[in-house]
Amino acid sequence: MTAAVCLPKCRRVWKSCPPCRYAANAVRRTMNKMAYVRPEYHDRIMRITRVIGHDRLSLSAYIDHVLTHHFNQCEEAIKSLYARNYDAVF
């Protein structure tokens, strides 16, 4: 059995190429939902996930954890601001 080659420009074996592994996993885990992340945040998050995640934590999983924590911590404030700025249609 031969190893799958990753992205055409890369030409490395898929399992030995972290960016290609991430790209494959991110698309699967996010169900094709995309979000823009500033380049400097992307670089910072990738460094964090490499170190604390031991190369097993994807960028999308890290962002999911951060947002979960944010929503849990700020739920009441978000609800209050939403209610204050929401204009009912009827």
PDB file of N, CA and C in Angstrom:
ATOM      1  N   MET A   1       0.839  -1.180   0.000  1.00  0.00           N
ATOM      2  CA  MET A   1       0.000   0.000   0.000  1.00  0.00           C
ATOM      3  C   MET A   1       0.890   1.251   0.000  1.00  0.00           C
ATOM      4  N   THR A   2       0.607   2.170  -0.905  1.00  0.00           N
ATOM      5  CA  THR A   2       1.413   3.390  -0.986  1.00  0.00           C
ATOM      6  C   THR A   2       0.764   4.490  -0.155  1.00  0.00           C
ATOM      7  N   ALA A   3       1.584   5.382   0.368  1.00  0.00           N
ATOM      8  CA  ALA A   3       1.082   6.501   1.169  1.00  0.00           C
ATOM      9  C   ALA A   3       0.486   7.550   0.248  1.00  0.00           C
ATOM     10  N   ALA A   4      -0.575   8.164   0.695  1.00  0.00           N
ATOM     11  CA  ALA A   4      -1.221   9.216  -0.096  1.00  0.00           C
ATOM     12  C   ALA A   4      -0.329  10.448  -0.129  1.00  0.00           C
ATOM     13  N   VAL A   5      -0.231  11.037  -1.303  1.00  0.00           N
ATOM     14  CA  VAL A   5       0.535  12.273  -1.457  1.00  0.00           C
ATOM     15  C   VAL A   5      -0.413  13.418  -1.145  1.00  0.00           C
ATOM     16  N   CYS A   6       0.108  14.420  -0.435  1.00  0.00           N
ATOM     17  CA  CYS A   6      -0.757  15.536  -0.040  1.00  0.00           C
ATOM     18  C   CYS A   6      -0.971  16.491  -1.206  1.00  0.00           C
ATOM     19  N   LEU A   7      -1.246  17.722  -0.902  1.00  0.00           N
ATOM     20  CA  LEU A   7      -1.590  18.712  -1.915  1.00  0.00           C
ATOM     21  C   LEU A   7      -0.558  18.769  -3.043  1.00  0.00           C
ATOM     22  N   PRO A   8      -1.012  18.977  -4.283  1.00  0.00           N
ATOM     23  CA  PRO A   8      -0.105  18.944  -5.436  1.00  0.00           C
ATOM     24  C   PRO A   8       1.137  19.824  -5.313  1.00  0.00           C
ATOM     25  N   LYS A   9       1.005  21.039  -4.778  1.00  0.00           N
ATOM     26  CA  LYS A   9       2.158  21.924  -4.664  1.00  0.00           C
ATOM     27  C   LYS A   9       3.166  21.422  -3.641  1.00  0.00           C
ATOM     28  N   CYS A  10       2.697  20.647  -2.669  1.00  0.00           N
ATOM     29  CA  CYS A  10       3.551  20.228  -1.564  1.00  0.00           C
ATOM     30  C   CYS A  10       4.362  18.975  -1.928  1.00  0.00           C
ATOM     31  N   ARG A  11       3.716  17.982  -2.485  1.00  0.00           N
ATOM     32  CA  ARG A  11       4.354  16.737  -2.930  1.00  0.00           C
ATOM     33  C   ARG A  11       4.970  15.917  -1.797  1.00  0.00           C
ATOM     34  N   ARG A  12       4.569  16.167  -0.561  1.00  0.00           N
ATOM     35  CA  ARG A  12       5.062  15.368   0.559  1.00  0.00           C
ATOM     36  C   ARG A  12       4.036  14.279   0.870  1.00  0.00           C
ATOM     37  N   VAL A  13       4.445  13.310   1.639  1.00  0.00           N
ATOM     38  CA  VAL A  13       3.502  12.292   2.074  1.00  0.00           C
ATOM     39  C   VAL A  13       2.531  12.954   3.035  1.00  0.00           C
ATOM     40  N   TRP A  14       1.246  12.735   2.836  1.00  0.00           N
ATOM     41  CA  TRP A  14       0.187  13.423   3.567  1.00  0.00           C
ATOM     42  C   TRP A  14       0.397  13.406   5.077  1.00  0.00           C
ATOM     43  N   LYS A  15       0.709  12.270   5.658  1.00  0.00           N
ATOM     44  CA  LYS A  15       0.838  12.172   7.113  1.00  0.00           C
ATOM     45  C   LYS A  15       2.044  12.931   7.654  1.00  0.00           C
ATOM     46  N   SER A  16       3.015  13.240   6.819  1.00  0.00           N
ATOM     47  CA  SER A  16       4.194  13.956   7.300  1.00  0.00           C
ATOM     48  C   SER A  16       4.106  15.455   7.024  1.00  0.00           C
ATOM     49  N   CYS A  17       2.970  15.932   6.595  1.00  0.00           N
ATOM     50  CA  CYS A  17       2.814  17.346   6.258  1.00  0.00           C
ATOM     51  C   CYS A  17       1.725  17.974   7.134  1.00  0.00           C
ATOM     52  N   PRO A  18       2.119  18.606   8.255  1.00  0.00           N
ATOM     53  CA  PRO A  18       1.122  19.193   9.153  1.00  0.00           C
ATOM     54  C   PRO A  18       0.134  20.157   8.501  1.00  0.00           C
ATOM     55  N   PRO A  19       0.564  21.075   7.617  1.00  0.00           N
ATOM     56  CA  PRO A  19      -0.437  21.961   7.011  1.00  0.00           C
ATOM     57  C   PRO A  19      -1.490  21.207   6.195  1.00  0.00           C
ATOM     58  N   CYS A  20      -1.079  20.174   5.516  1.00  0.00           N
ATOM     59  CA  CYS A  20      -2.029  19.404   4.711  1.00  0.00           C
ATOM     60  C   CYS A  20      -2.947  18.572   5.597  1.00  0.00           C
ATOM     61  N   ARG A  21      -2.392  18.014   6.674  1.00  0.00           N
ATOM     62  CA  ARG A  21      -3.215  17.273   7.640  1.00  0.00           C
ATOM     63  C   ARG A  21      -4.248  18.208   8.235  1.00  0.00           C
ATOM     64  N   TYR A  22      -3.807  19.407   8.631  1.00  0.00           N
ATOM     65  CA  TYR A  22      -4.734  20.383   9.204  1.00  0.00           C
ATOM     66  C   TYR A  22      -5.833  20.730   8.208  1.00  0.00           C
ATOM     67  N   ALA A  23      -5.460  21.013   6.979  1.00  0.00           N
ATOM     68  CA  ALA A  23      -6.448  21.397   5.977  1.00  0.00           C
ATOM     69  C   ALA A  23      -7.496  20.311   5.805  1.00  0.00           C
ATOM     70  N   ALA A  24      -7.069  19.073   5.765  1.00  0.00           N
ATOM     71  CA  ALA A  24      -8.004  17.960   5.610  1.00  0.00           C
ATOM     72  C   ALA A  24      -8.917  17.843   6.825  1.00  0.00           C
ATOM     73  N   ASN A  25      -8.346  17.960   8.027  1.00  0.00           N
ATOM     74  CA  ASN A  25      -9.138  17.846   9.249  1.00  0.00           C
ATOM     75  C   ASN A  25     -10.064  19.031   9.447  1.00  0.00           C
ATOM     76  N   ALA A  26      -9.605  20.221   9.156  1.00  0.00           N
ATOM     77  CA  ALA A  26     -10.403  21.428   9.385  1.00  0.00           C
ATOM     78  C   ALA A  26     -11.667  21.413   8.544  1.00  0.00           C
ATOM     79  N   VAL A  27     -11.537  21.009   7.296  1.00  0.00           N
ATOM     80  CA  VAL A  27     -12.705  20.978   6.423  1.00  0.00           C
ATOM     81  C   VAL A  27     -13.710  19.961   6.929  1.00  0.00           C
ATOM     82  N   ARG A  28     -13.236  18.810   7.349  1.00  0.00           N
ATOM     83  CA  ARG A  28     -14.126  17.782   7.866  1.00  0.00           C
ATOM     84  C   ARG A  28     -14.815  18.229   9.150  1.00  0.00           C
ATOM     85  N   ARG A  29     -14.071  18.801  10.083  1.00  0.00           N
ATOM     86  CA  ARG A  29     -14.609  19.153  11.389  1.00  0.00           C
ATOM     87  C   ARG A  29     -15.502  20.378  11.361  1.00  0.00           C
ATOM     88  N   THR A  30     -15.269  21.295  10.456  1.00  0.00           N
ATOM     89  CA  THR A  30     -16.065  22.514  10.433  1.00  0.00           C
ATOM     90  C   THR A  30     -17.258  22.407   9.497  1.00  0.00           C
ATOM     91  N   MET A  31     -17.411  21.295   8.839  1.00  0.00           N
ATOM     92  CA  MET A  31     -18.518  21.085   7.910  1.00  0.00           C
ATOM     93  C   MET A  31     -18.577  22.198   6.870  1.00  0.00           C
ATOM     94  N   ASN A  32     -17.426  22.570   6.360  1.00  0.00           N
ATOM     95  CA  ASN A  32     -17.292  23.569   5.301  1.00  0.00           C
ATOM     96  C   ASN A  32     -17.687  24.972   5.721  1.00  0.00           C
ATOM     97  N   LYS A  33     -17.707  25.256   6.997  1.00  0.00           N
ATOM     98  CA  LYS A  33     -17.945  26.613   7.471  1.00  0.00           C
ATOM     99  C   LYS A  33     -16.589  27.300   7.565  1.00  0.00           C
ATOM    100  N   MET A  34     -16.476  28.462   6.978  1.00  0.00           N
ATOM    101  CA  MET A  34     -15.206  29.167   6.968  1.00  0.00           C
ATOM    102  C   MET A  34     -15.337  30.459   7.763  1.00  0.00           C
ATOM    103  N   ALA A  35     -14.240  30.888   8.330  1.00  0.00           N
ATOM    104  CA  ALA A  35     -14.191  32.161   9.041  1.00  0.00           C
ATOM    105  C   ALA A  35     -12.823  32.781   8.794  1.00  0.00           C
ATOM    106  N   TYR A  36     -12.795  34.090   8.694  1.00  0.00           N
ATOM    107  CA  TYR A  36     -11.531  34.795   8.508  1.00  0.00           C
ATOM    108  C   TYR A  36     -10.849  34.957   9.856  1.00  0.00           C
ATOM    109  N   VAL A  37      -9.577  34.643   9.905  1.00  0.00           N
ATOM    110  CA  VAL A  37      -8.758  34.861  11.096  1.00  0.00           C
ATOM    111  C   VAL A  37      -7.586  35.728  10.664  1.00  0.00           C
ATOM    112  N   ARG A  38      -7.330  36.808  11.381  1.00  0.00           N
ATOM    113  CA  ARG A  38      -6.210  37.677  11.036  1.00  0.00           C
ATOM    114  C   ARG A  38      -4.918  36.868  10.944  1.00  0.00           C
ATOM    115  N   PRO A  39      -4.055  37.203   9.990  1.00  0.00           N
ATOM    116  CA  PRO A  39      -2.802  36.449   9.839  1.00  0.00           C
ATOM    117  C   PRO A  39      -1.993  36.365  11.133  1.00  0.00           C
ATOM    118  N   GLU A  40      -1.906  37.469  11.884  1.00  0.00           N
ATOM    119  CA  GLU A  40      -1.120  37.425  13.117  1.00  0.00           C
ATOM    120  C   GLU A  40      -1.778  36.535  14.168  1.00  0.00           C
ATOM    121  N   TYR A  41      -3.117  36.480  14.186  1.00  0.00           N
ATOM    122  CA  TYR A  41      -3.803  35.573  15.116  1.00  0.00           C
ATOM    123  C   TYR A  41      -3.616  34.127  14.664  1.00  0.00           C
ATOM    124  N   HIS A  42      -3.684  33.906  13.361  1.00  0.00           N
ATOM    125  CA  HIS A  42      -3.498  32.554  12.838  1.00  0.00           C
ATOM    126  C   HIS A  42      -2.126  32.017  13.241  1.00  0.00           C
ATOM    127  N   ASP A  43      -1.100  32.836  13.043  1.00  0.00           N
ATOM    128  CA  ASP A  43       0.254  32.403  13.409  1.00  0.00           C
ATOM    129  C   ASP A  43       0.356  32.112  14.900  1.00  0.00           C
ATOM    130  N   ARG A  44      -0.217  32.994  15.713  1.00  0.00           N
ATOM    131  CA  ARG A  44      -0.167  32.805  17.164  1.00  0.00           C
ATOM    132  C   ARG A  44      -0.906  31.544  17.586  1.00  0.00           C
ATOM    133  N   ILE A  45      -2.104  31.340  17.037  1.00  0.00           N
ATOM    134  CA  ILE A  45      -2.891  30.155  17.383  1.00  0.00           C
ATOM    135  C   ILE A  45      -2.179  28.881  16.941  1.00  0.00           C
ATOM    136  N   MET A  46      -1.575  28.911  15.762  1.00  0.00           N
ATOM    137  CA  MET A  46      -0.866  27.715  15.286  1.00  0.00           C
ATOM    138  C   MET A  46       0.307  27.381  16.202  1.00  0.00           C
ATOM    139  N   ARG A  47       1.023  28.401  16.698  1.00  0.00           N
ATOM    140  CA  ARG A  47       2.119  28.140  17.646  1.00  0.00           C
ATOM    141  C   ARG A  47       1.568  27.539  18.933  1.00  0.00           C
ATOM    142  N   ILE A  48       0.463  28.083  19.424  1.00  0.00           N
ATOM    143  CA  ILE A  48      -0.144  27.573  20.657  1.00  0.00           C
ATOM    144  C   ILE A  48      -0.587  26.128  20.474  1.00  0.00           C
ATOM    145  N   THR A  49      -1.279  25.835  19.373  1.00  0.00           N
ATOM    146  CA  THR A  49      -1.795  24.480  19.185  1.00  0.00           C
ATOM    147  C   THR A  49      -0.669  23.466  18.996  1.00  0.00           C
ATOM    148  N   ARG A  50       0.423  23.884  18.365  1.00  0.00           N
ATOM    149  CA  ARG A  50       1.563  22.974  18.207  1.00  0.00           C
ATOM    150  C   ARG A  50       2.158  22.602  19.554  1.00  0.00           C
ATOM    151  N   VAL A  51       2.283  23.586  20.443  1.00  0.00           N
ATOM    152  CA  VAL A  51       2.931  23.347  21.733  1.00  0.00           C
ATOM    153  C   VAL A  51       1.988  22.671  22.715  1.00  0.00           C
ATOM    154  N   ILE A  52       0.831  23.289  22.987  1.00  0.00           N
ATOM    155  CA  ILE A  52      -0.041  22.707  24.009  1.00  0.00           C
ATOM    156  C   ILE A  52      -0.830  21.514  23.493  1.00  0.00           C
ATOM    157  N   GLY A  53      -1.040  21.463  22.183  1.00  0.00           N
ATOM    158  CA  GLY A  53      -1.793  20.355  21.598  1.00  0.00           C
ATOM    159  C   GLY A  53      -0.923  19.244  21.070  1.00  0.00           C
ATOM    160  N   HIS A  54       0.387  19.393  21.198  1.00  0.00           N
ATOM    161  CA  HIS A  54       1.351  18.390  20.716  1.00  0.00           C
ATOM    162  C   HIS A  54       1.043  17.962  19.287  1.00  0.00           C
ATOM    163  N   ASP A  55       0.722  18.955  18.436  1.00  0.00           N
ATOM    164  CA  ASP A  55       0.404  18.729  17.011  1.00  0.00           C
ATOM    165  C   ASP A  55      -0.826  17.859  16.796  1.00  0.00           C
ATOM    166  N   ARG A  56      -1.666  17.715  17.821  1.00  0.00           N
ATOM    167  CA  ARG A  56      -2.899  16.935  17.668  1.00  0.00           C
ATOM    168  C   ARG A  56      -4.141  17.806  17.762  1.00  0.00           C
ATOM    169  N   LEU A  57      -3.968  19.099  18.011  1.00  0.00           N
ATOM    170  CA  LEU A  57      -5.076  20.035  18.152  1.00  0.00           C
ATOM    171  C   LEU A  57      -5.103  20.940  16.929  1.00  0.00           C
ATOM    172  N   SER A  58      -6.222  20.935  16.226  1.00  0.00           N
ATOM    173  CA  SER A  58      -6.325  21.763  15.025  1.00  0.00           C
ATOM    174  C   SER A  58      -6.706  23.192  15.384  1.00  0.00           C
ATOM    175  N   LEU A  59      -6.481  24.082  14.456  1.00  0.00           N
ATOM    176  CA  LEU A  59      -6.860  25.470  14.635  1.00  0.00           C
ATOM    177  C   LEU A  59      -8.354  25.573  14.888  1.00  0.00           C
ATOM    178  N   SER A  60      -9.159  24.862  14.127  1.00  0.00           N
ATOM    179  CA  SER A  60     -10.615  24.940  14.297  1.00  0.00           C
ATOM    180  C   SER A  60     -11.052  24.402  15.654  1.00  0.00           C
ATOM    181  N   ALA A  61     -10.415  23.355  16.159  1.00  0.00           N
ATOM    182  CA  ALA A  61     -10.765  22.820  17.478  1.00  0.00           C
ATOM    183  C   ALA A  61     -10.399  23.823  18.564  1.00  0.00           C
ATOM    184  N   TYR A  62      -9.246  24.470  18.440  1.00  0.00           N
ATOM    185  CA  TYR A  62      -8.827  25.471  19.417  1.00  0.00           C
ATOM    186  C   TYR A  62      -9.810  26.637  19.438  1.00  0.00           C
ATOM    187  N   ILE A  63     -10.179  27.144  18.267  1.00  0.00           N
ATOM    188  CA  ILE A  63     -11.121  28.258  18.201  1.00  0.00           C
ATOM    189  C   ILE A  63     -12.468  27.840  18.783  1.00  0.00           C
ATOM    190  N   ASP A  64     -12.895  26.619  18.537  1.00  0.00           N
ATOM    191  CA  ASP A  64     -14.143  26.119  19.107  1.00  0.00           C
ATOM    192  C   ASP A  64     -14.079  26.134  20.641  1.00  0.00           C
ATOM    193  N   HIS A  65     -12.950  25.694  21.205  1.00  0.00           N
ATOM    194  CA  HIS A  65     -12.782  25.710  22.662  1.00  0.00           C
ATOM    195  C   HIS A  65     -12.811  27.140  23.203  1.00  0.00           C
ATOM    196  N   VAL A  66     -12.128  28.062  22.528  1.00  0.00           N
ATOM    197  CA  VAL A  66     -12.088  29.456  22.973  1.00  0.00           C
ATOM    198  C   VAL A  66     -13.488  30.071  22.931  1.00  0.00           C
ATOM    199  N   LEU A  67     -14.232  29.827  21.860  1.00  0.00           N
ATOM    200  CA  LEU A  67     -15.580  30.385  21.749  1.00  0.00           C
ATOM    201  C   LEU A  67     -16.520  29.776  22.780  1.00  0.00           C
ATOM    202  N   THR A  68     -16.397  28.483  23.032  1.00  0.00           N
ATOM    203  CA  THR A  68     -17.221  27.835  24.060  1.00  0.00           C
ATOM    204  C   THR A  68     -16.974  28.493  25.410  1.00  0.00           C
ATOM    205  N   HIS A  69     -15.708  28.700  25.750  1.00  0.00           N
ATOM    206  CA  HIS A  69     -15.352  29.348  27.007  1.00  0.00           C
ATOM    207  C   HIS A  69     -15.907  30.788  27.043  1.00  0.00           C
ATOM    208  N   HIS A  70     -15.745  31.515  25.958  1.00  0.00           N
ATOM    209  CA  HIS A  70     -16.240  32.897  25.878  1.00  0.00           C
ATOM    210  C   HIS A  70     -17.754  32.942  26.078  1.00  0.00           C
ATOM    211  N   PHE A  71     -18.489  32.094  25.375  1.00  0.00           N
ATOM    212  CA  PHE A  71     -19.949  32.098  25.505  1.00  0.00           C
ATOM    213  C   PHE A  71     -20.380  31.713  26.920  1.00  0.00           C
ATOM    214  N   ASN A  72     -19.691  30.759  27.536  1.00  0.00           N
ATOM    215  CA  ASN A  72     -20.019  30.374  28.910  1.00  0.00           C
ATOM    216  C   ASN A  72     -19.752  31.524  29.883  1.00  0.00           C
ATOM    217  N   GLN A  73     -18.642  32.222  29.709  1.00  0.00           N
ATOM    218  CA  GLN A  73     -18.261  33.306  30.609  1.00  0.00           C
ATOM    219  C   GLN A  73     -19.104  34.566  30.400  1.00  0.00           C
ATOM    220  N   CYS A  74     -19.520  34.827  29.174  1.00  0.00           N
ATOM    221  CA  CYS A  74     -20.160  36.103  28.845  1.00  0.00           C
ATOM    222  C   CYS A  74     -21.635  35.973  28.461  1.00  0.00           C
ATOM    223  N   GLU A  75     -22.240  34.849  28.746  1.00  0.00           N
ATOM    224  CA  GLU A  75     -23.609  34.592  28.291  1.00  0.00           C
ATOM    225  C   GLU A  75     -24.584  35.683  28.731  1.00  0.00           C
ATOM    226  N   GLU A  76     -24.565  36.053  29.993  1.00  0.00           N
ATOM    227  CA  GLU A  76     -25.510  37.057  30.496  1.00  0.00           C
ATOM    228  C   GLU A  76     -25.293  38.416  29.845  1.00  0.00           C
ATOM    229  N   ALA A  77     -24.050  38.827  29.691  1.00  0.00           N
ATOM    230  CA  ALA A  77     -23.759  40.110  29.057  1.00  0.00           C
ATOM    231  C   ALA A  77     -24.210  40.107  27.595  1.00  0.00           C
ATOM    232  N   ILE A  78     -23.985  39.014  26.908  1.00  0.00           N
ATOM    233  CA  ILE A  78     -24.399  38.904  25.505  1.00  0.00           C
ATOM    234  C   ILE A  78     -25.916  38.974  25.402  1.00  0.00           C
ATOM    235  N   LYS A  79     -26.625  38.238  26.263  1.00  0.00           N
ATOM    236  CA  LYS A  79     -28.095  38.259  26.256  1.00  0.00           C
ATOM    237  C   LYS A  79     -28.621  39.658  26.536  1.00  0.00           C
ATOM    238  N   SER A  80     -28.011  40.351  27.499  1.00  0.00           N
ATOM    239  CA  SER A  80     -28.440  41.700  27.854  1.00  0.00           C
ATOM    240  C   SER A  80     -28.246  42.672  26.698  1.00  0.00           C
ATOM    241  N   LEU A  81     -27.071  42.639  26.081  1.00  0.00           N
ATOM    242  CA  LEU A  81     -26.799  43.518  24.937  1.00  0.00           C
ATOM    243  C   LEU A  81     -27.700  43.189  23.754  1.00  0.00           C
ATOM    244  N   TYR A  82     -27.925  41.917  23.534  1.00  0.00           N
ATOM    245  CA  TYR A  82     -28.784  41.494  22.426  1.00  0.00           C
ATOM    246  C   TYR A  82     -30.203  42.014  22.647  1.00  0.00           C
ATOM    247  N   ALA A  83     -30.735  41.834  23.867  1.00  0.00           N
ATOM    248  CA  ALA A  83     -32.084  42.269  24.178  1.00  0.00           C
ATOM    249  C   ALA A  83     -32.204  43.796  24.061  1.00  0.00           C
ATOM    250  N   ARG A  84     -31.176  44.511  24.477  1.00  0.00           N
ATOM    251  CA  ARG A  84     -31.196  45.981  24.427  1.00  0.00           C
ATOM    252  C   ARG A  84     -31.186  46.490  22.980  1.00  0.00           C
ATOM    253  N   ASN A  85     -30.520  45.780  22.094  1.00  0.00           N
ATOM    254  CA  ASN A  85     -30.370  46.244  20.707  1.00  0.00           C
ATOM    255  C   ASN A  85     -31.319  45.573  19.722  1.00  0.00           C
ATOM    256  N   TYR A  86     -32.139  44.649  20.201  1.00  0.00           N
ATOM    257  CA  TYR A  86     -33.029  43.898  19.320  1.00  0.00           C
ATOM    258  C   TYR A  86     -34.319  44.674  19.135  1.00  0.00           C
ATOM    259  N   ASP A  87     -34.703  44.894  17.909  1.00  0.00           N
ATOM    260  CA  ASP A  87     -35.986  45.529  17.607  1.00  0.00           C
ATOM    261  C   ASP A  87     -36.922  44.476  17.048  1.00  0.00           C
ATOM    262  N   ALA A  88     -37.993  44.233  17.780  1.00  0.00           N
ATOM    263  CA  ALA A  88     -38.959  43.233  17.336  1.00  0.00           C
ATOM    264  C   ALA A  88     -39.624  43.673  16.042  1.00  0.00           C
ATOM    265  N   VAL A  89     -39.892  42.726  15.176  1.00  0.00           N
ATOM    266  CA  VAL A  89     -40.534  43.019  13.906  1.00  0.00           C
ATOM    267  C   VAL A  89     -42.010  43.368  14.123  1.00  0.00           C
ATOM    268  N   PHE A  90     -42.650  42.692  15.075  1.00  0.00           N
ATOM    269  CA  PHE A  90     -44.081  42.934  15.362  1.00  0.00           C
ATOM    270  C   PHE A  90     -44.242  43.435  16.777  1.00  0.00           C
TER     271      PHE A  90
END
